[in-house]
Amino acid sequence: MMQMHASASAGIVGLLIFISVFAVAVTYALWPANKQTFDRLARLPLDDDKEENRL
């Protein structure tokens, strides 16, 4: 009986952790201050001729 309760609790805790991490990732991706960085990174594959993009 105790094992079933622990298993169900572990599933709920895992789900809550997943939802929390997902919410943080979406918030980070949609934060207005990050727009310029993501726009620059989105254009990076198209800017092959620029020297600054090379590693």
Protein backbone atom coordinates (compact mmCIF):
# COMPACT_ATOMS: atom_id res chain seq x y z
CA MET A 1 0.00 0.00 0.00
CA MET A 2 2.78 2.43 0.88
CA GLN A 3 4.61 1.63 -2.36
CA MET A 4 1.59 2.63 -4.47
CA HIS A 5 1.33 5.95 -2.65
CA ALA A 6 5.05 6.66 -3.13
CA SER A 7 4.84 5.77 -6.81
CA ALA A 8 1.86 8.05 -7.40
CA SER A 9 3.54 10.87 -5.46
CA ALA A 10 6.72 10.50 -7.50
CA GLY A 11 4.72 10.79 -10.71
CA ILE A 12 2.98 13.94 -9.54
CA VAL A 13 6.25 15.50 -8.34
CA GLY A 14 7.91 14.68 -11.66
CA LEU A 15 5.02 16.22 -13.57
CA LEU A 16 5.19 19.40 -11.47
CA ILE A 17 8.95 19.68 -12.04
CA PHE A 18 8.49 19.20 -15.78
CA ILE A 19 5.75 21.85 -15.95
CA SER A 20 7.91 24.27 -13.94
CA VAL A 21 10.96 23.79 -16.17
CA PHE A 22 8.81 24.14 -19.29
CA ALA A 23 7.24 27.36 -18.00
CA VAL A 24 10.66 28.82 -17.21
CA ALA A 25 11.99 27.90 -20.67
CA VAL A 26 8.99 29.45 -22.44
CA THR A 27 9.22 32.57 -20.31
CA TYR A 28 12.93 32.92 -21.10
CA ALA A 29 12.34 32.43 -24.82
CA LEU A 30 9.53 34.98 -24.97
CA TRP A 31 11.10 37.59 -22.67
CA PRO A 32 11.34 40.89 -24.62
CA ALA A 33 14.96 41.53 -23.58
CA ASN A 34 16.06 38.32 -25.37
CA LYS A 35 14.49 39.23 -28.73
CA GLN A 36 17.61 40.85 -30.17
CA THR A 37 19.77 37.85 -29.25
CA PHE A 38 17.36 35.33 -30.75
CA ASP A 39 16.94 37.41 -33.92
CA ARG A 40 20.72 37.58 -34.35
CA LEU A 41 21.07 33.83 -33.80
CA ALA A 42 18.23 33.12 -36.25
CA ARG A 43 20.07 35.02 -39.00
CA LEU A 44 23.43 33.39 -38.24
CA PRO A 45 23.17 30.54 -40.81
CA LEU A 46 22.33 33.07 -43.54
CA ASP A 47 25.31 35.31 -42.77
CA ASP A 48 28.10 32.97 -43.90
CA ASP A 49 30.09 35.73 -45.57
CA LYS A 50 30.62 37.76 -42.40
CA GLU A 51 33.91 37.21 -40.63
CA GLU A 52 32.43 37.85 -37.17
CA ASN A 53 30.28 34.70 -37.32
CA ARG A 54 33.19 32.32 -37.70
CA LEU A 55 34.51 30.48 -34.68
